[in-house]
């Protein structure tokens, strides 16, 4: 089975680091963390992502821009907001989002 590439956008460094660490605990998932919209654009230039998680500090305008970016560059990419709640919820959210592809 191919790895699932997940891009996480959040502007809180510790939470971003934790999310990436949790994602990368799953051998089939590969997490990439970015803290700005510009970094997200650059990440899309060099990688294909199956899922984009929007975390802490991503406002509605940035969310809209990421959604437009996904629609333009990678329409098969699922975008969703992660509100926190622990590793169990994160894993459940990711698994559910991946069934939406």
C-alpha atoms as a PDB file:
ATOM      1  CA  UNK A   1       0.000   0.000   0.000  1.00  0.00           C
ATOM      2  CA  UNK A   2       1.280   3.464  -0.903  1.00  0.00           C
ATOM      3  CA  UNK A   3       1.944   6.021   1.782  1.00  0.00           C
ATOM      4  CA  UNK A   4      -0.676   8.657   2.445  1.00  0.00           C
ATOM      5  CA  UNK A   5       0.840  12.147   2.289  1.00  0.00           C
ATOM      6  CA  UNK A   6      -0.690  14.607   4.736  1.00  0.00           C
ATOM      7  CA  UNK A   7       0.010  18.323   4.815  1.00  0.00           C
ATOM      8  CA  UNK A   8      -0.653  20.068   8.127  1.00  0.00           C
ATOM      9  CA  UNK A   9      -0.990  23.850   8.221  1.00  0.00           C
ATOM     10  CA  UNK A  10      -0.938  25.438  11.678  1.00  0.00           C
ATOM     11  CA  UNK A  11       0.738  28.511  13.097  1.00  0.00           C
ATOM     12  CA  UNK A  12       1.327  27.174  16.612  1.00  0.00           C
ATOM     13  CA  UNK A  13       4.755  25.502  16.441  1.00  0.00           C
ATOM     14  CA  UNK A  14       4.309  23.053  19.325  1.00  0.00           C
ATOM     15  CA  UNK A  15       0.905  21.849  18.156  1.00  0.00           C
ATOM     16  CA  UNK A  16       2.162  21.523  14.584  1.00  0.00           C
ATOM     17  CA  UNK A  17       5.126  19.485  15.797  1.00  0.00           C
ATOM     18  CA  UNK A  18       2.852  17.237  17.869  1.00  0.00           C
ATOM     19  CA  UNK A  19       0.456  16.647  14.989  1.00  0.00           C
ATOM     20  CA  UNK A  20       3.298  15.722  12.640  1.00  0.00           C
ATOM     21  CA  UNK A  21       4.809  13.389  15.234  1.00  0.00           C
ATOM     22  CA  UNK A  22       1.453  11.643  15.746  1.00  0.00           C
ATOM     23  CA  UNK A  23       0.801  11.345  12.018  1.00  0.00           C
ATOM     24  CA  UNK A  24       4.258   9.909  11.376  1.00  0.00           C
ATOM     25  CA  UNK A  25       3.719   7.208  14.026  1.00  0.00           C
ATOM     26  CA  UNK A  26       1.526   5.476  11.456  1.00  0.00           C
ATOM     27  CA  UNK A  27       3.840   3.645   9.039  1.00  0.00           C
ATOM     28  CA  UNK A  28       1.457   4.316   6.151  1.00  0.00           C
ATOM     29  CA  UNK A  29       1.218   8.066   6.706  1.00  0.00           C
ATOM     30  CA  UNK A  30       3.766  10.752   5.888  1.00  0.00           C
ATOM     31  CA  UNK A  31       3.159  14.128   7.530  1.00  0.00           C
ATOM     32  CA  UNK A  32       4.588  17.440   6.371  1.00  0.00           C
ATOM     33  CA  UNK A  33       4.095  20.510   8.522  1.00  0.00           C
ATOM     34  CA  UNK A  34       3.941  24.118   7.379  1.00  0.00           C
ATOM     35  CA  UNK A  35       3.144  27.285   9.277  1.00  0.00           C
ATOM     36  CA  UNK A  36       2.091  29.630   6.490  1.00  0.00           C
ATOM     37  CA  UNK A  37       0.132  29.740   3.284  1.00  0.00           C
ATOM     38  CA  UNK A  38       3.310  30.443   1.310  1.00  0.00           C
ATOM     39  CA  UNK A  39       4.956  27.333   2.774  1.00  0.00           C
ATOM     40  CA  UNK A  40       1.857  25.327   1.847  1.00  0.00           C
ATOM     41  CA  UNK A  41       2.085  26.548  -1.751  1.00  0.00           C
ATOM     42  CA  UNK A  42       5.751  25.558  -1.904  1.00  0.00           C
ATOM     43  CA  UNK A  43       4.968  22.134  -0.428  1.00  0.00           C
ATOM     44  CA  UNK A  44       2.374  21.549  -3.170  1.00  0.00           C
ATOM     45  CA  UNK A  45       5.010  22.386  -5.786  1.00  0.00           C
ATOM     46  CA  UNK A  46       7.204  19.484  -4.679  1.00  0.00           C
ATOM     47  CA  UNK A  47       4.723  16.946  -3.244  1.00  0.00           C
ATOM     48  CA  UNK A  48       1.349  15.404  -3.913  1.00  0.00           C
ATOM     49  CA  UNK A  49      -0.901  15.379  -0.853  1.00  0.00           C
ATOM     50  CA  UNK A  50      -3.859  13.149  -0.165  1.00  0.00           C
ATOM     51  CA  UNK A  51      -5.075  15.235   2.757  1.00  0.00           C
ATOM     52  CA  UNK A  52      -4.621  18.751   4.108  1.00  0.00           C
ATOM     53  CA  UNK A  53      -5.319  19.333   7.799  1.00  0.00           C
ATOM     54  CA  UNK A  54      -5.959  22.893   8.899  1.00  0.00           C
ATOM     55  CA  UNK A  55      -4.988  23.419  12.499  1.00  0.00           C
ATOM     56  CA  UNK A  56      -4.562  26.140  15.072  1.00  0.00           C
ATOM     57  CA  UNK A  57      -4.330  29.699  13.786  1.00  0.00           C
ATOM     58  CA  UNK A  58      -5.637  29.084  10.279  1.00  0.00           C
ATOM     59  CA  UNK A  59      -8.262  31.768   9.768  1.00  0.00           C
ATOM     60  CA  UNK A  60     -11.180  31.661   7.333  1.00  0.00           C
ATOM     61  CA  UNK A  61      -9.295  33.610   4.653  1.00  0.00           C
ATOM     62  CA  UNK A  62      -6.325  31.216   4.735  1.00  0.00           C
ATOM     63  CA  UNK A  63      -8.729  28.273   4.721  1.00  0.00           C
ATOM     64  CA  UNK A  64     -10.438  29.660   1.605  1.00  0.00           C
ATOM     65  CA  UNK A  65      -7.085  30.121  -0.095  1.00  0.00           C
ATOM     66  CA  UNK A  66      -6.002  26.577   0.737  1.00  0.00           C
ATOM     67  CA  UNK A  67      -9.292  25.212  -0.582  1.00  0.00           C
ATOM     68  CA  UNK A  68      -8.788  27.147  -3.832  1.00  0.00           C
ATOM     69  CA  UNK A  69      -5.206  25.895  -4.050  1.00  0.00           C
ATOM     70  CA  UNK A  70      -6.357  22.300  -3.637  1.00  0.00           C
ATOM     71  CA  UNK A  71      -9.126  22.728  -6.213  1.00  0.00           C
ATOM     72  CA  UNK A  72      -6.641  24.167  -8.708  1.00  0.00           C
ATOM     73  CA  UNK A  73      -3.519  22.092  -8.111  1.00  0.00           C
ATOM     74  CA  UNK A  74      -4.810  18.856  -6.620  1.00  0.00           C
ATOM     75  CA  UNK A  75      -8.591  18.421  -6.820  1.00  0.00           C
ATOM     76  CA  UNK A  76      -8.362  14.904  -5.363  1.00  0.00           C
ATOM     77  CA  UNK A  77      -6.889  16.283  -2.117  1.00  0.00           C
ATOM     78  CA  UNK A  78      -9.256  16.308   0.838  1.00  0.00           C
ATOM     79  CA  UNK A  79      -9.079  19.406   3.060  1.00  0.00           C
ATOM     80  CA  UNK A  80     -10.414  19.471   6.576  1.00  0.00           C
ATOM     81  CA  UNK A  81     -10.083  21.427   9.777  1.00  0.00           C
ATOM     82  CA  UNK A  82      -8.660  19.732  12.863  1.00  0.00           C
ATOM     83  CA  UNK A  83      -9.854  21.263  16.115  1.00  0.00           C
ATOM     84  CA  UNK A  84      -7.750  19.244  18.523  1.00  0.00           C
ATOM     85  CA  UNK A  85      -8.912  16.704  21.031  1.00  0.00           C
ATOM     86  CA  UNK A  86      -6.086  14.210  21.250  1.00  0.00           C
ATOM     87  CA  UNK A  87      -4.448  11.559  19.137  1.00  0.00           C
ATOM     88  CA  UNK A  88      -7.480   9.261  18.998  1.00  0.00           C
ATOM     89  CA  UNK A  89      -9.630  11.980  17.492  1.00  0.00           C
ATOM     90  CA  UNK A  90      -6.867  12.970  15.070  1.00  0.00           C
ATOM     91  CA  UNK A  91      -6.526   9.388  13.816  1.00  0.00           C
ATOM     92  CA  UNK A  92     -10.304   9.035  13.468  1.00  0.00           C
ATOM     93  CA  UNK A  93     -10.573  12.311  11.565  1.00  0.00           C
ATOM     94  CA  UNK A  94      -7.804  11.290   9.172  1.00  0.00           C
ATOM     95  CA  UNK A  95      -9.274   7.842   8.540  1.00  0.00           C
ATOM     96  CA  UNK A  96     -12.717   9.341   7.941  1.00  0.00           C
ATOM     97  CA  UNK A  97     -11.327  12.017   5.596  1.00  0.00           C
ATOM     98  CA  UNK A  98      -9.448   9.419   3.573  1.00  0.00           C
ATOM     99  CA  UNK A  99     -12.701   7.551   2.915  1.00  0.00           C
ATOM    100  CA  UNK A 100     -14.009  10.762   1.298  1.00  0.00           C
ATOM    101  CA  UNK A 101     -11.468  10.573  -1.538  1.00  0.00           C
END
